[in-house]
Amino acid sequence: MLLEFTMTMTTLLGKYFFLRDSANNPEGVVRDSRGLWTEYDFIIIGAGSAGAVVANRLTEIAEWNVLLLEAGGDESFLGQVPAMAADLQLTERDWQYQTETMDGQACLGLENKRCLWPRGKMMGGTSSLNYMLYVRGNRRDYDHWASLGNVGWSYDEVLPYFIKSEDNQNPTLAKTKYHGTGGYLTVSESQYHSPLGDAFIQGGLEMGYKNRDGNGKYQTGFMFAQGTIRKGHRCSTSKAFIRPIRKRKNLHISMNSHVMKILINPVTKHAYGVQFIKRGRIYQIHARKEVILSAGDTASPHLLMLSGIGPADHLQEKGIYPILANLPVGQNLHDHVALGEIIFLIDQPYSLKEERVRNIPTILNYTAWGGTPLSMLGGVEGLAWLNTKYADPTDDWPDVQFHFVGSCVTADRGRSVRYSHGVSDAVWEKYYSPIMERDCWSIMPVTLRPKSRGYIRLNSADPFDKPIINP
């Protein structure tokens, strides 16, 4: 059944996007540029969440020419289906990073006690792989960063850029001063709501919380999740910012181009180019103005250290030469800490089990209208921001976030989600197998301001060797 579903979905989506692939279509597929120059004004490393936006903005200046480098290929057809986000992880479109084991401190229920660290390896980067949740962050976070000396990062300074980029499809939210319309990035709710999602919001109201826009004036409260989706399909930064401008004469795109090193003048410390490999051939291309590193939170520090910028003793130990700058690259790594999920069993057939989501009638309705469970954001339907006893209850700066899912990891009987989460065989057999056939819903609680700090390090001087990640 699963194979039949996947083949049908791939065929329908393939025809859907093929028919729409014309020169004037803003969602036409991205193709490699024919021939590369030896020099550009700007070279952008990484066509992900940041790089796609940077390429769009820079090429607005017709006199500047830009080379956009991406280690992977274009987005996948299956990746356009929001509910199938987990199916992309651990494929060739994922860097397939893993954390180190952490001496019994974390990842204890996962295979080899290592957390998976998914990052997109394709146009759009992780925005083509993630669960598409559109969450800007809290006003206080931005103001705190600005107070530390990060000029331009206060909430009032970044908000206009969120609004400029956004094309919000919710007419109520679009009328407020916190959202925009007409931008490149489409933001909307899923076109499908389950009875469980309605109950989640109602439960929040009964507890005294408001049903509000978590990206608006206040964050504390409950809401149906908004995501980067367009007409029921994923809207990655590549779809939003690159596809509409892919025909610009001053933009060259080179996919499957693995950057090995940033070329830096050892005297002036000026980055003047990049070295990358594509289909077995090594290229060195120069930049007249700037090299822009936007390869994500893992690959960017990895590449800096490979290029001689990082902790001197560590670079020396790994045989990196010359060491151009002794800087704490890779330090201060911190991310939201999440518990896999807390599962609640129910005795009504409301949860999003595989047979109710992955079937031929649902596919046909989805491709025609988009408003089926397949349009849900990786299964996440609701969000809530709450104060624990450790936060100031009078301040709108919640310290925990809940992700509400109208199913649980057993929804597909262990065929996909189990592996994308990295659940170990022992844990699966003991805790999940006994509830395989049950209807359920789950909550994933996330701490928003963790105190733990980790690091990213080189495994070796080989640019194809994955970095050490200790969160």
Protein backbone atom coordinates (compact mmCIF):
# COMPACT_ATOMS: atom_id res chain seq x y z
CA MET A 1 0.00 0.00 0.00
CA LEU A 2 2.78 2.42 0.94
CA LEU A 3 4.71 1.72 -2.28
CA GLU A 4 1.55 2.16 -4.36
CA PHE A 5 0.79 5.44 -2.57
CA THR A 6 4.33 6.79 -3.05
CA MET A 7 4.43 5.88 -6.75
CA THR A 8 1.00 7.44 -7.37
CA MET A 9 1.90 10.60 -5.48
CA THR A 10 5.23 10.95 -7.32
CA THR A 11 3.56 10.45 -10.70
CA LEU A 12 0.79 12.98 -10.06
CA LEU A 13 3.11 15.60 -8.63
CA GLY A 14 5.62 15.03 -11.42
CA LYS A 15 2.95 15.70 -14.03
CA TYR A 16 1.65 18.65 -12.02
CA PHE A 17 4.99 20.42 -11.90
CA PHE A 18 6.03 19.38 -15.42
CA LEU A 19 2.90 20.96 -16.88
CA ARG A 20 3.62 24.15 -14.97
CA ASP A 21 7.28 24.34 -16.00
CA SER A 22 7.29 27.11 -18.55
CA ALA A 23 9.64 30.06 -18.90
CA ASN A 24 7.03 32.48 -17.55
CA ASN A 25 5.84 30.31 -14.68
CA PRO A 26 7.06 31.69 -11.32
CA GLU A 27 7.13 28.14 -9.95
CA GLY A 28 9.01 26.53 -12.83
CA VAL A 29 11.81 24.16 -11.86
CA VAL A 30 15.36 25.40 -11.33
CA ARG A 31 18.04 24.24 -13.76
CA ASP A 32 21.80 24.53 -13.81
CA SER A 33 23.18 27.53 -15.64
CA ARG A 34 25.00 26.72 -18.85
CA GLY A 35 28.68 27.32 -18.31
CA LEU A 36 30.27 29.14 -15.39
CA TRP A 37 32.39 32.26 -15.50
CA THR A 38 35.76 32.48 -13.81
CA GLU A 39 34.73 35.55 -11.85
CA TYR A 40 31.54 37.04 -10.38
CA ASP A 41 30.75 40.07 -8.26
CA PHE A 42 29.25 37.85 -5.56
CA ILE A 43 29.51 34.15 -4.80
CA ILE A 44 26.86 32.74 -2.46
CA ILE A 45 27.59 29.42 -0.76
CA GLY A 46 24.33 27.61 -0.05
CA ALA A 47 20.90 28.09 -1.67
CA GLY A 48 18.95 27.49 1.52
CA SER A 49 16.80 29.55 3.85
CA ALA A 50 19.23 32.49 3.74
CA GLY A 51 21.11 32.03 0.45
CA ALA A 52 17.99 32.00 -1.70
CA VAL A 53 16.88 35.33 -0.25
CA VAL A 54 20.32 36.88 -0.62
CA ALA A 55 20.54 35.78 -4.28
CA ASN A 56 17.13 37.28 -4.99
CA ARG A 57 17.97 40.63 -3.41
CA LEU A 58 21.47 41.00 -4.89
CA THR A 59 20.33 40.26 -8.44
CA GLU A 60 17.85 43.13 -8.21
CA ILE A 61 20.92 45.21 -9.11
CA ALA A 62 21.30 44.46 -12.82
CA GLU A 63 24.97 45.53 -12.87
CA TRP A 64 25.94 42.86 -10.33
CA ASN A 65 26.38 39.23 -11.37
CA VAL A 66 25.91 36.47 -8.82
CA LEU A 67 26.89 32.80 -8.61
CA LEU A 68 24.69 30.70 -6.32
CA LEU A 69 26.26 27.39 -5.27
CA GLU A 70 24.23 24.48 -3.88
CA ALA A 71 25.67 21.14 -2.76
CA GLY A 72 22.48 19.26 -3.61
CA GLY A 73 20.05 19.25 -6.50
CA ASP A 74 16.58 20.70 -6.91
CA GLU A 75 13.70 19.99 -4.56
CA SER A 76 11.90 16.66 -4.76
CA PHE A 77 8.30 16.21 -5.88
CA LEU A 78 7.37 14.31 -2.72
CA GLY A 79 8.84 17.12 -0.65
CA GLN A 80 6.07 19.41 -1.85
CA VAL A 81 3.54 17.44 0.21
CA PRO A 82 3.60 18.92 3.72
CA ALA A 83 2.47 15.76 5.53
CA MET A 84 5.38 13.80 4.02
CA ALA A 85 8.14 15.94 5.52
CA ALA A 86 9.56 13.03 7.53
CA ASP A 87 9.97 10.94 4.36
CA LEU A 88 12.70 13.29 3.07
CA GLN A 89 14.98 12.80 6.05
CA LEU A 90 17.81 10.25 5.77
CA THR A 91 17.64 10.49 1.97
CA GLU A 92 20.19 11.97 -0.45
CA ARG A 93 18.50 15.34 0.08
CA ASP A 94 19.50 15.33 3.74
CA TRP A 95 23.08 15.87 4.94
CA GLN A 96 22.31 13.07 7.42
CA TYR A 97 24.24 14.60 10.29
CA GLN A 98 24.19 12.96 13.71
CA THR A 99 25.24 14.19 17.11
CA GLU A 100 27.91 12.56 19.22
CA THR A 101 26.82 10.42 22.17
CA MET A 102 26.59 12.63 25.25
CA ASP A 103 27.45 10.46 28.26
CA GLY A 104 23.90 9.61 29.20
CA GLN A 105 22.65 13.20 29.04
CA ALA A 106 20.48 13.12 25.92
CA CYS A 107 19.18 11.03 23.00
CA LEU A 108 18.88 8.01 25.30
CA GLY A 109 15.95 6.42 23.45
CA LEU A 110 17.52 6.80 20.02
CA GLU A 111 19.65 4.49 17.92
CA ASN A 112 23.22 4.38 19.28
CA LYS A 113 22.13 7.15 21.67
CA ARG A 114 22.76 9.74 18.96
CA CYS A 115 20.25 12.38 17.85
CA LEU A 116 19.62 12.87 14.16
CA TRP A 117 20.42 16.42 12.99
CA PRO A 118 18.56 16.80 9.66
CA ARG A 119 19.68 19.58 7.31
CA GLY A 120 18.49 20.05 3.74
CA LYS A 121 20.91 19.27 0.90
CA MET A 122 18.98 20.76 -2.03
CA MET A 123 17.66 24.04 -3.37
CA GLY A 124 15.90 25.72 -0.47
CA GLY A 125 18.12 23.93 2.03
CA THR A 126 16.36 22.95 5.23
CA SER A 127 13.29 24.98 4.21
CA SER A 128 12.77 22.18 1.66
CA LEU A 129 13.09 19.50 4.35
CA ASN A 130 11.58 20.90 7.56
CA TYR A 131 8.06 20.90 8.96
CA MET A 132 7.40 24.38 7.50
CA LEU A 133 6.22 26.01 10.76
CA TYR A 134 6.25 29.79 10.44
CA VAL A 135 7.44 31.01 13.84
CA ARG A 136 9.40 34.25 13.94
CA GLY A 137 10.41 34.20 17.58
CA ASN A 138 9.67 36.41 20.53
CA ARG A 139 10.11 40.18 20.59
CA ARG A 140 12.27 39.90 23.71
CA ASP A 141 14.72 37.54 22.02
CA TYR A 142 15.50 40.08 19.29
CA ASP A 143 15.76 42.96 21.74
CA HIS A 144 18.09 40.88 23.91
CA TRP A 145 20.38 40.18 20.94
CA ALA A 146 20.45 43.88 20.13
CA SER A 147 21.33 44.72 23.74
CA LEU A 148 24.38 42.46 23.45
CA GLY A 149 25.73 44.72 20.70
CA ASN A 150 24.19 43.13 17.60
CA VAL A 151 23.25 46.32 15.79
CA GLY A 152 20.12 46.08 13.66
CA TRP A 153 18.69 43.00 15.37
CA SER A 154 16.05 44.58 17.62
CA TYR A 155 12.46 43.48 17.03
CA ASP A 156 11.38 46.83 15.62
CA GLU A 157 14.28 46.70 13.15
CA VAL A 158 13.72 43.15 11.87
CA LEU A 159 9.91 43.26 11.72
CA PRO A 160 9.79 45.30 8.47
CA TYR A 161 11.82 42.58 6.72
CA PHE A 162 9.45 39.84 7.86
CA ILE A 163 6.56 41.90 6.54
CA LYS A 164 8.31 42.67 3.25
CA SER A 165 8.98 39.00 2.52
CA GLU A 166 5.56 37.72 3.51
CA ASP A 167 2.43 36.99 1.50
CA ASN A 168 0.05 35.96 4.28
CA GLN A 169 -3.11 34.21 3.07
CA ASN A 170 -5.09 34.70 6.28
CA PRO A 171 -7.15 37.88 5.64
CA THR A 172 -7.56 38.55 9.35
CA LEU A 173 -3.84 38.43 10.09
CA ALA A 174 -2.94 40.22 6.88
CA LYS A 175 -4.85 43.28 8.06
CA THR A 176 -2.66 43.71 11.14
CA LYS A 177 0.59 45.67 11.26
CA TYR A 178 2.53 42.48 11.98
CA HIS A 179 1.98 40.78 8.63
CA GLY A 180 2.35 41.52 4.95
CA THR A 181 0.90 40.57 1.60
CA GLY A 182 2.47 40.56 -1.84
CA GLY A 183 5.88 39.31 -0.72
CA TYR A 184 7.66 36.30 -2.16
CA LEU A 185 7.10 33.92 0.78
CA THR A 186 3.58 32.48 1.06
CA VAL A 187 2.37 31.86 4.63
CA SER A 188 -0.92 30.20 5.50
CA GLU A 189 -2.66 27.64 7.68
CA SER A 190 -3.23 24.12 6.46
CA GLN A 191 -6.50 23.81 4.57
CA TYR A 192 -7.42 20.86 6.79
CA HIS A 193 -8.29 20.92 10.51
CA SER A 194 -9.01 17.77 12.48
CA PRO A 195 -11.43 17.44 15.41
CA LEU A 196 -8.40 16.90 17.62
CA GLY A 197 -6.90 20.22 16.53
CA ASP A 198 -10.13 21.99 17.40
CA ALA A 199 -10.08 20.31 20.82
CA PHE A 200 -6.49 21.47 21.40
CA ILE A 201 -7.44 25.11 20.81
CA GLN A 202 -10.58 24.76 22.91
CA GLY A 203 -8.55 23.21 25.71
CA GLY A 204 -6.27 26.23 25.73
CA LEU A 205 -9.25 28.57 25.99
CA GLU A 206 -10.66 26.58 28.90
CA MET A 207 -7.31 26.90 30.69
CA GLY A 208 -7.52 30.68 30.38
CA TYR A 209 -5.20 31.21 27.42
CA LYS A 210 -6.12 33.18 24.32
CA ASN A 211 -6.37 31.84 20.78
CA ARG A 212 -4.04 34.35 19.15
CA ASP A 213 -1.42 34.93 16.49
CA GLY A 214 1.91 33.86 17.97
CA ASN A 215 3.69 36.02 15.40
CA GLY A 216 1.73 39.14 16.35
CA LYS A 217 1.70 41.60 19.21
CA TYR A 218 1.68 38.88 21.88
CA GLN A 219 3.00 35.34 21.75
CA THR A 220 1.66 33.59 24.87
CA GLY A 221 -1.37 31.50 23.90
CA PHE A 222 -2.69 28.84 21.51
CA MET A 223 -3.07 28.89 17.73
CA PHE A 224 -3.53 26.75 14.65
CA ALA A 225 -0.06 26.54 13.17
CA GLN A 226 0.86 28.77 10.26
CA GLY A 227 3.42 27.50 7.80
CA THR A 228 5.32 28.24 4.63
CA ILE A 229 2.80 26.52 2.36
CA ARG A 230 1.17 27.66 -0.86
CA LYS A 231 -2.08 26.15 -2.13
CA GLY A 232 -1.50 23.08 0.01
CA HIS A 233 2.13 22.60 -1.11
CA ARG A 234 5.43 23.42 0.57
CA CYS A 235 6.72 26.92 -0.13
CA SER A 236 10.48 26.68 0.40
CA THR A 237 12.76 29.68 0.02
CA SER A 238 13.80 28.26 -3.34
CA LYS A 239 10.21 28.19 -4.55
CA ALA A 240 9.55 31.59 -3.03
CA PHE A 241 12.72 33.54 -3.90
CA ILE A 242 14.63 31.67 -6.63
CA ARG A 243 12.09 30.16 -9.01
CA PRO A 244 10.39 33.49 -9.87
CA ILE A 245 13.76 35.09 -10.73
CA ARG A 246 15.63 32.07 -12.10
CA LYS A 247 15.74 33.63 -15.59
CA ARG A 248 17.58 36.78 -14.49
CA LYS A 249 20.61 37.21 -16.73
CA ASN A 250 22.85 38.15 -13.80
CA LEU A 251 22.12 34.99 -11.79
CA HIS A 252 24.00 31.76 -12.38
CA ILE A 253 22.98 28.67 -10.39
CA SER A 254 25.27 25.69 -9.95
CA MET A 255 23.76 22.67 -8.20
CA ASN A 256 25.54 19.53 -6.98
CA SER A 257 28.48 21.81 -6.22
CA HIS A 258 30.20 20.85 -2.96
CA VAL A 259 32.32 23.74 -1.68
CA MET A 260 35.61 22.47 -0.28
CA LYS A 261 37.22 25.72 0.78
CA ILE A 262 36.85 29.48 0.82
CA LEU A 263 39.86 31.12 -0.84
CA ILE A 264 41.29 33.75 1.51
CA ASN A 265 44.32 35.99 1.04
CA PRO A 266 46.61 35.10 4.01
CA VAL A 267 47.97 38.66 4.20
CA THR A 268 44.88 40.82 3.77
CA LYS A 269 42.48 38.14 5.15
CA HIS A 270 40.16 39.02 2.27
CA ALA A 271 37.98 36.23 0.85
CA TYR A 272 38.47 36.31 -2.90
CA GLY A 273 36.85 33.10 -4.13
CA VAL A 274 35.80 29.51 -3.57
CA GLN A 275 36.98 26.04 -4.46
CA PHE A 276 34.28 23.45 -5.15
CA ILE A 277 33.84 20.10 -6.82
CA LYS A 278 31.10 19.27 -9.29
CA ARG A 279 30.75 15.94 -11.08
CA GLY A 280 34.34 15.05 -10.26
CA ARG A 281 35.82 18.31 -11.53
CA ILE A 282 37.36 20.89 -9.18
CA TYR A 283 36.62 24.57 -9.85
CA GLN A 284 38.18 27.73 -8.47
CA ILE A 285 36.07 30.81 -9.09
CA HIS A 286 36.83 34.32 -7.88
CA ALA A 287 34.60 37.04 -6.43
CA ARG A 288 35.20 40.70 -7.23
CA LYS A 289 33.19 41.95 -4.26
CA GLU A 290 32.21 39.33 -1.68
CA VAL A 291 31.94 35.66 -0.84
CA ILE A 292 28.73 35.16 1.16
CA LEU A 293 28.62 32.09 3.39
CA SER A 294 25.04 30.97 3.97
CA ALA A 295 25.45 27.22 4.29
CA GLY A 296 23.44 26.81 7.49
CA ASP A 297 24.27 26.52 11.17
CA THR A 298 26.30 23.32 10.70
CA ALA A 299 27.96 23.53 7.30
CA SER A 300 28.95 27.21 7.70
CA PRO A 301 31.23 26.71 10.74
CA HIS A 302 32.45 23.46 9.21
CA LEU A 303 33.52 25.28 6.05
CA LEU A 304 35.08 28.18 7.96
CA MET A 305 37.29 25.77 9.90
CA LEU A 306 38.25 23.91 6.72
CA SER A 307 39.30 27.30 5.34
CA GLY A 308 41.58 28.12 8.27
CA ILE A 309 39.26 30.16 10.46
CA GLY A 310 38.57 28.70 13.88
CA PRO A 311 40.17 27.60 17.18
CA ALA A 312 43.89 27.49 16.35
CA ASP A 313 44.77 24.46 18.48
CA HIS A 314 41.92 22.43 17.00
CA LEU A 315 42.77 23.40 13.41
CA GLN A 316 46.40 22.56 13.99
CA GLU A 317 45.45 19.18 15.43
CA LYS A 318 43.42 18.39 12.30
CA GLY A 319 46.17 19.49 9.90
CA ILE A 320 44.53 22.66 8.63
CA TYR A 321 47.10 25.05 7.17
CA PRO A 322 47.52 27.98 7.10
CA ILE A 323 45.57 29.12 10.15
CA LEU A 324 44.24 32.50 9.11
CA ALA A 325 42.31 33.53 12.22
CA ASN A 326 42.16 32.11 15.73
CA LEU A 327 38.44 32.52 16.44
CA PRO A 328 35.88 30.49 18.46
CA VAL A 329 34.09 29.18 15.37
CA GLY A 330 31.73 26.33 16.23
CA GLN A 331 31.47 27.31 19.90
CA ASN A 332 28.31 28.39 21.74
CA LEU A 333 26.10 25.90 19.89
CA HIS A 334 22.60 25.83 21.33
CA ASP A 335 19.26 24.70 20.04
CA HIS A 336 15.78 24.19 21.43
CA VAL A 337 15.65 21.02 23.52
CA ALA A 338 12.64 18.84 22.76
CA LEU A 339 11.14 15.71 24.23
CA GLY A 340 10.26 13.36 21.38
CA GLU A 341 6.57 13.28 22.20
CA ILE A 342 4.10 12.65 25.01
CA ILE A 343 1.40 10.30 23.71
CA PHE A 344 -2.27 10.23 24.72
CA LEU A 345 -4.49 7.33 23.64
CA ILE A 346 -8.11 7.92 22.60
CA ASP A 347 -11.03 5.62 21.84
CA GLN A 348 -12.40 7.49 18.80
CA PRO A 349 -11.15 7.17 15.16
CA TYR A 350 -9.89 10.74 14.92
CA SER A 351 -6.11 10.44 14.68
CA LEU A 352 -4.18 10.73 11.42
CA LYS A 353 -3.30 7.08 10.94
CA GLU A 354 -1.63 6.02 7.71
CA GLU A 355 -4.66 4.31 6.18
CA ARG A 356 -6.71 7.51 6.65
CA VAL A 357 -4.08 9.77 5.08
CA ARG A 358 -2.11 7.75 2.54
CA ASN A 359 -4.73 6.41 0.18
CA ILE A 360 -5.67 7.02 -3.43
CA PRO A 361 -8.87 9.08 -2.83
CA THR A 362 -6.94 11.39 -0.49
CA ILE A 363 -4.21 11.85 -3.11
CA LEU A 364 -6.73 12.72 -5.80
CA ASN A 365 -8.52 15.21 -3.55
CA TYR A 366 -5.19 16.70 -2.49
CA THR A 367 -3.92 17.26 -6.04
CA ALA A 368 -7.28 18.80 -6.98
CA TRP A 369 -8.03 20.93 -3.91
CA GLY A 370 -5.14 20.71 -1.42
CA GLY A 371 -7.49 20.58 1.56
CA THR A 372 -6.81 17.08 2.91
CA PRO A 373 -4.64 15.79 5.78
CA LEU A 374 -1.75 15.70 3.29
CA SER A 375 -1.60 19.51 3.54
CA MET A 376 -0.79 19.41 7.27
CA LEU A 377 2.61 20.66 8.38
CA GLY A 378 4.37 17.36 8.89
CA GLY A 379 1.39 16.44 11.06
CA VAL A 380 1.78 19.45 13.37
CA GLU A 381 -1.59 21.16 13.69
CA GLY A 382 -1.42 23.42 16.73
CA LEU A 383 1.12 25.47 18.65
CA ALA A 384 1.11 26.90 22.15
CA TRP A 385 3.52 29.16 24.03
CA LEU A 386 3.31 28.94 27.81
CA ASN A 387 5.09 30.10 30.95
CA THR A 388 6.44 27.45 33.29
CA LYS A 389 7.08 28.21 36.95
CA TYR A 390 10.58 29.34 35.94
CA ALA A 391 9.32 32.23 33.78
CA ASP A 392 7.81 35.56 34.77
CA PRO A 393 4.02 35.07 34.37
CA THR A 394 3.50 38.81 33.92
CA ASP A 395 5.86 38.98 30.96
CA ASP A 396 5.05 37.86 27.40
CA TRP A 397 8.29 35.88 27.10
CA PRO A 398 7.19 32.22 27.40
CA ASP A 399 9.89 29.65 28.05
CA VAL A 400 8.19 26.55 26.64
CA GLN A 401 6.43 25.77 23.37
CA PHE A 402 4.06 22.88 22.66
CA HIS A 403 3.71 21.26 19.24
CA PHE A 404 0.36 19.49 18.91
CA VAL A 405 0.14 16.50 16.54
CA GLY A 406 -3.13 14.72 15.84
CA SER A 407 -1.40 11.34 15.79
CA CYS A 408 1.83 9.85 17.12
CA VAL A 409 4.99 8.17 15.89
CA THR A 410 3.11 4.88 15.39
CA ALA A 411 0.74 6.44 12.81
CA ASP A 412 2.56 4.84 9.88
CA ARG A 413 3.32 1.61 11.78
CA GLY A 414 7.01 2.38 11.96
CA ARG A 415 7.65 2.73 8.23
CA SER A 416 9.00 6.29 8.16
CA VAL A 417 8.54 8.58 11.18
CA ARG A 418 10.22 6.08 13.50
CA TYR A 419 13.41 6.26 11.46
CA SER A 420 13.32 10.00 10.85
CA HIS A 421 13.21 10.41 14.65
CA GLY A 422 15.95 7.80 15.14
CA VAL A 423 13.99 5.68 17.65
CA SER A 424 15.99 2.65 18.77
CA ASP A 425 14.70 -0.88 18.21
CA ALA A 426 14.56 -1.55 21.95
CA VAL A 427 12.46 1.51 22.69
CA TRP A 428 10.22 0.85 19.71
CA GLU A 429 9.46 -2.69 20.80
CA LYS A 430 8.88 -1.81 24.46
CA TYR A 431 6.92 1.41 24.23
CA TYR A 432 5.50 1.84 20.74
CA SER A 433 4.69 -1.62 19.40
CA PRO A 434 1.99 -2.28 22.05
CA ILE A 435 -0.01 0.77 20.89
CA MET A 436 0.53 0.29 17.17
CA GLU A 437 -3.17 -0.02 16.32
CA ARG A 438 -4.47 2.57 18.78
CA ASP A 439 -5.73 6.04 17.96
CA CYS A 440 -3.65 8.71 19.65
CA TRP A 441 -2.51 12.31 19.74
CA SER A 442 0.74 13.73 21.02
CA ILE A 443 2.46 16.81 22.38
CA MET A 444 6.09 17.72 21.83
CA PRO A 445 7.25 20.18 24.52
CA VAL A 446 10.25 22.35 23.66
CA THR A 447 12.33 24.55 25.97
CA LEU A 448 12.85 27.89 24.25
CA ARG A 449 15.86 29.21 26.18
CA PRO A 450 18.06 26.23 27.04
CA LYS A 451 21.13 26.80 29.20
CA SER A 452 23.19 23.99 27.68
CA ARG A 453 25.90 24.88 25.19
CA GLY A 454 27.78 22.65 22.78
CA TYR A 455 30.12 22.84 19.81
CA ILE A 456 30.83 21.84 16.23
CA ARG A 457 34.29 20.53 15.39
CA LEU A 458 36.14 19.03 12.46
CA ASN A 459 36.39 15.28 12.21
CA SER A 460 39.32 15.71 9.85
CA ALA A 461 40.68 18.00 7.14
CA ASP A 462 38.65 16.07 4.53
CA PRO A 463 35.83 18.38 3.32
CA PHE A 464 33.62 15.33 2.73
CA ASP A 465 34.00 14.10 6.31
CA LYS A 466 30.98 15.14 8.39
CA PRO A 467 31.67 17.44 11.34
CA ILE A 468 31.51 16.46 15.00
CA ILE A 469 28.29 17.82 16.53
CA ASN A 470 27.94 17.92 20.31
CA PRO A 471 24.90 19.98 21.27
